Amino acid sequence: RYGKGSWVVITGGSDGIGKAFAKQFASKGFNLYLISKTESKLSKLQAELSSEFNVDVKIKAKDFTKAFEKDFFADIFDDTKDL
């Protein structure tokens, strides 16, 4: 299950190092599940990477400063359980 066609989850995926990781993994054929605070940046990157590298890109806007709140990760677990 590793390599081309597998899924990679990246937090902070719309800027800086996270964005660089996303581009590198996409260029190798990995599908991406990107998590970051700003949905507009995620949407733009989703369109860019899926078009340029022909990979599936799912996005989730989450503010990790709230990660200690009850059930913060529940939707992420639901989104990724079958990837």
N, C-alpha and C. Protein backbone atom coordinates (compact mmCIF):
# COMPACT_ATOMS: atom_id res chain seq x y z
N ARG A 1 0.80 -1.21 0.00
CA ARG A 1 0.00 0.00 0.00
C ARG A 1 0.83 1.25 0.00
N TYR A 2 2.09 1.14 -0.17
CA TYR A 2 2.94 2.33 -0.14
C TYR A 2 3.42 2.65 -1.54
N GLY A 3 3.61 3.94 -1.79
CA GLY A 3 4.07 4.37 -3.11
C GLY A 3 2.95 4.99 -3.91
N LYS A 4 3.13 5.00 -5.20
CA LYS A 4 2.18 5.64 -6.11
C LYS A 4 0.77 5.14 -5.85
N GLY A 5 -0.17 6.09 -5.73
CA GLY A 5 -1.57 5.75 -5.47
C GLY A 5 -1.93 5.67 -4.00
N SER A 6 -0.94 5.64 -3.12
CA SER A 6 -1.20 5.64 -1.68
C SER A 6 -1.56 7.05 -1.24
N TRP A 7 -2.02 7.16 -0.01
CA TRP A 7 -2.42 8.45 0.55
C TRP A 7 -1.42 8.95 1.58
N VAL A 8 -1.21 10.26 1.57
CA VAL A 8 -0.36 10.94 2.54
C VAL A 8 -1.21 12.02 3.21
N VAL A 9 -1.18 12.08 4.54
CA VAL A 9 -1.86 13.12 5.29
C VAL A 9 -0.81 14.15 5.70
N ILE A 10 -1.06 15.42 5.36
CA ILE A 10 -0.11 16.49 5.66
C ILE A 10 -0.85 17.62 6.39
N THR A 11 -0.37 17.93 7.60
CA THR A 11 -0.91 19.08 8.32
C THR A 11 -0.08 20.30 7.97
N GLY A 12 -0.72 21.47 7.99
CA GLY A 12 -0.01 22.68 7.57
C GLY A 12 0.28 22.63 6.08
N GLY A 13 -0.60 21.97 5.34
CA GLY A 13 -0.34 21.65 3.95
C GLY A 13 -0.48 22.76 2.94
N SER A 14 -0.89 23.94 3.33
CA SER A 14 -1.10 25.00 2.33
C SER A 14 0.00 26.05 2.30
N ASP A 15 0.97 25.94 3.19
CA ASP A 15 2.06 26.93 3.24
C ASP A 15 3.38 26.25 3.60
N GLY A 16 4.46 26.93 3.30
CA GLY A 16 5.78 26.56 3.78
C GLY A 16 6.19 25.12 3.53
N ILE A 17 6.73 24.50 4.57
CA ILE A 17 7.24 23.13 4.45
C ILE A 17 6.13 22.15 4.10
N GLY A 18 4.95 22.33 4.70
CA GLY A 18 3.83 21.44 4.40
C GLY A 18 3.46 21.48 2.93
N LYS A 19 3.45 22.65 2.34
CA LYS A 19 3.15 22.80 0.92
C LYS A 19 4.24 22.15 0.08
N ALA A 20 5.50 22.33 0.48
CA ALA A 20 6.61 21.71 -0.24
C ALA A 20 6.50 20.18 -0.19
N PHE A 21 6.17 19.63 0.99
CA PHE A 21 5.96 18.20 1.10
C PHE A 21 4.83 17.75 0.18
N ALA A 22 3.75 18.50 0.17
CA ALA A 22 2.60 18.14 -0.68
C ALA A 22 3.01 18.07 -2.14
N LYS A 23 3.77 19.04 -2.60
CA LYS A 23 4.21 19.03 -4.01
C LYS A 23 5.13 17.85 -4.29
N GLN A 24 6.04 17.56 -3.38
CA GLN A 24 6.96 16.45 -3.57
C GLN A 24 6.21 15.11 -3.62
N PHE A 25 5.31 14.88 -2.68
CA PHE A 25 4.56 13.63 -2.69
C PHE A 25 3.67 13.52 -3.92
N ALA A 26 3.02 14.61 -4.31
CA ALA A 26 2.17 14.59 -5.50
C ALA A 26 2.99 14.28 -6.75
N SER A 27 4.19 14.83 -6.82
CA SER A 27 5.04 14.58 -7.99
C SER A 27 5.46 13.11 -8.10
N LYS A 28 5.39 12.40 -6.99
CA LYS A 28 5.72 10.97 -6.98
C LYS A 28 4.48 10.09 -7.13
N GLY A 29 3.30 10.71 -7.32
CA GLY A 29 2.06 9.97 -7.57
C GLY A 29 1.24 9.65 -6.34
N PHE A 30 1.60 10.21 -5.19
CA PHE A 30 0.81 9.98 -3.98
C PHE A 30 -0.43 10.85 -4.00
N ASN A 31 -1.56 10.32 -3.52
CA ASN A 31 -2.75 11.11 -3.28
C ASN A 31 -2.56 11.84 -1.95
N LEU A 32 -3.26 12.96 -1.79
CA LEU A 32 -3.03 13.82 -0.63
C LEU A 32 -4.30 14.13 0.14
N TYR A 33 -4.17 14.14 1.45
CA TYR A 33 -5.21 14.67 2.34
C TYR A 33 -4.54 15.82 3.08
N LEU A 34 -4.89 17.04 2.69
CA LEU A 34 -4.23 18.23 3.22
C LEU A 34 -5.10 18.89 4.28
N ILE A 35 -4.46 19.23 5.39
CA ILE A 35 -5.15 19.90 6.50
C ILE A 35 -4.43 21.21 6.78
N SER A 36 -5.19 22.28 6.84
CA SER A 36 -4.62 23.59 7.17
C SER A 36 -5.75 24.50 7.62
N LYS A 37 -5.40 25.64 8.13
CA LYS A 37 -6.41 26.54 8.69
C LYS A 37 -7.20 27.30 7.62
N THR A 38 -6.59 27.63 6.51
CA THR A 38 -7.21 28.51 5.53
C THR A 38 -7.78 27.73 4.34
N GLU A 39 -9.09 27.63 4.28
CA GLU A 39 -9.73 26.84 3.24
C GLU A 39 -9.46 27.37 1.83
N SER A 40 -9.39 28.69 1.67
CA SER A 40 -9.15 29.24 0.34
C SER A 40 -7.78 28.82 -0.21
N LYS A 41 -6.77 28.80 0.65
CA LYS A 41 -5.43 28.35 0.23
C LYS A 41 -5.45 26.86 -0.10
N LEU A 42 -6.16 26.09 0.72
CA LEU A 42 -6.26 24.65 0.46
C LEU A 42 -6.95 24.38 -0.87
N SER A 43 -8.02 25.08 -1.15
CA SER A 43 -8.76 24.88 -2.39
C SER A 43 -7.90 25.21 -3.61
N LYS A 44 -7.16 26.28 -3.51
CA LYS A 44 -6.27 26.67 -4.62
C LYS A 44 -5.20 25.61 -4.84
N LEU A 45 -4.59 25.14 -3.77
CA LEU A 45 -3.55 24.12 -3.88
C LEU A 45 -4.13 22.80 -4.37
N GLN A 46 -5.33 22.47 -3.93
CA GLN A 46 -6.00 21.25 -4.38
C GLN A 46 -6.15 21.26 -5.90
N ALA A 47 -6.63 22.35 -6.45
CA ALA A 47 -6.81 22.45 -7.89
C ALA A 47 -5.46 22.37 -8.62
N GLU A 48 -4.47 23.06 -8.09
CA GLU A 48 -3.14 23.08 -8.71
C GLU A 48 -2.51 21.68 -8.75
N LEU A 49 -2.50 21.01 -7.61
CA LEU A 49 -1.81 19.72 -7.54
C LEU A 49 -2.55 18.62 -8.28
N SER A 50 -3.88 18.61 -8.18
CA SER A 50 -4.63 17.56 -8.88
C SER A 50 -4.50 17.72 -10.40
N SER A 51 -4.43 18.96 -10.86
CA SER A 51 -4.28 19.21 -12.29
C SER A 51 -2.86 18.90 -12.77
N GLU A 52 -1.88 19.39 -12.05
CA GLU A 52 -0.49 19.24 -12.48
C GLU A 52 0.02 17.80 -12.38
N PHE A 53 -0.40 17.07 -11.35
CA PHE A 53 0.16 15.75 -11.10
C PHE A 53 -0.83 14.60 -11.25
N ASN A 54 -2.09 14.92 -11.58
CA ASN A 54 -3.12 13.91 -11.78
C ASN A 54 -3.25 12.97 -10.57
N VAL A 55 -3.37 13.57 -9.39
CA VAL A 55 -3.57 12.82 -8.15
C VAL A 55 -4.85 13.30 -7.49
N ASP A 56 -5.39 12.48 -6.59
CA ASP A 56 -6.55 12.89 -5.80
C ASP A 56 -6.07 13.73 -4.63
N VAL A 57 -6.75 14.84 -4.40
CA VAL A 57 -6.40 15.72 -3.28
C VAL A 57 -7.67 16.04 -2.52
N LYS A 58 -7.71 15.62 -1.26
CA LYS A 58 -8.82 15.97 -0.37
C LYS A 58 -8.31 17.02 0.60
N ILE A 59 -9.21 17.91 1.01
CA ILE A 59 -8.79 18.99 1.91
C ILE A 59 -9.71 19.07 3.13
N LYS A 60 -9.13 19.59 4.21
CA LYS A 60 -9.89 19.82 5.44
C LYS A 60 -9.35 21.07 6.10
N ALA A 61 -10.21 22.06 6.29
CA ALA A 61 -9.82 23.28 7.00
C ALA A 61 -10.03 23.06 8.50
N LYS A 62 -8.93 23.08 9.25
CA LYS A 62 -8.97 22.88 10.70
C LYS A 62 -7.95 23.80 11.35
N ASP A 63 -8.31 24.36 12.47
CA ASP A 63 -7.41 25.21 13.25
C ASP A 63 -6.85 24.38 14.40
N PHE A 64 -5.58 23.99 14.29
CA PHE A 64 -4.99 23.10 15.27
C PHE A 64 -4.74 23.75 16.63
N THR A 65 -4.99 25.04 16.75
CA THR A 65 -4.93 25.63 18.09
C THR A 65 -6.10 25.13 18.94
N LYS A 66 -7.08 24.48 18.30
CA LYS A 66 -8.23 23.93 19.00
C LYS A 66 -8.17 22.41 19.10
N ALA A 67 -6.99 21.84 18.90
CA ALA A 67 -6.83 20.39 18.84
C ALA A 67 -7.17 19.68 20.15
N PHE A 68 -7.19 20.40 21.25
CA PHE A 68 -7.51 19.77 22.53
C PHE A 68 -9.00 19.74 22.82
N GLU A 69 -9.80 20.30 21.93
CA GLU A 69 -11.24 20.27 22.13
C GLU A 69 -11.77 18.85 21.88
N LYS A 70 -12.81 18.50 22.60
CA LYS A 70 -13.41 17.18 22.45
C LYS A 70 -13.83 16.94 21.00
N ASP A 71 -13.52 15.78 20.49
CA ASP A 71 -13.89 15.34 19.14
C ASP A 71 -13.28 16.17 18.01
N PHE A 72 -12.22 16.91 18.30
CA PHE A 72 -11.57 17.72 17.27
C PHE A 72 -11.18 16.88 16.05
N PHE A 73 -10.68 15.69 16.29
CA PHE A 73 -10.17 14.85 15.21
C PHE A 73 -11.21 13.92 14.61
N ALA A 74 -12.41 13.91 15.11
CA ALA A 74 -13.43 12.95 14.68
C ALA A 74 -13.68 13.00 13.17
N ASP A 75 -13.83 14.19 12.61
CA ASP A 75 -14.09 14.27 11.17
C ASP A 75 -12.88 13.87 10.34
N ILE A 76 -11.68 14.13 10.86
CA ILE A 76 -10.47 13.70 10.15
C ILE A 76 -10.40 12.17 10.13
N PHE A 77 -10.68 11.55 11.27
CA PHE A 77 -10.69 10.08 11.32
C PHE A 77 -11.72 9.52 10.35
N ASP A 78 -12.90 10.13 10.33
CA ASP A 78 -13.95 9.65 9.40
C ASP A 78 -13.51 9.81 7.94
N ASP A 79 -12.91 10.94 7.63
CA ASP A 79 -12.48 11.20 6.25
C ASP A 79 -11.38 10.26 5.77
N THR A 80 -10.54 9.82 6.68
CA THR A 80 -9.34 9.07 6.28
C THR A 80 -9.42 7.57 6.56
N LYS A 81 -10.46 7.09 7.17
CA LYS A 81 -10.50 5.68 7.60
C LYS A 81 -10.42 4.71 6.42
N ASP A 82 -10.86 5.08 5.26
CA ASP A 82 -10.87 4.17 4.10
C ASP A 82 -9.83 4.52 3.05
N LEU A 83 -8.93 5.40 3.37
CA LEU A 83 -7.91 5.79 2.38
C LEU A 83 -6.80 4.78 2.30
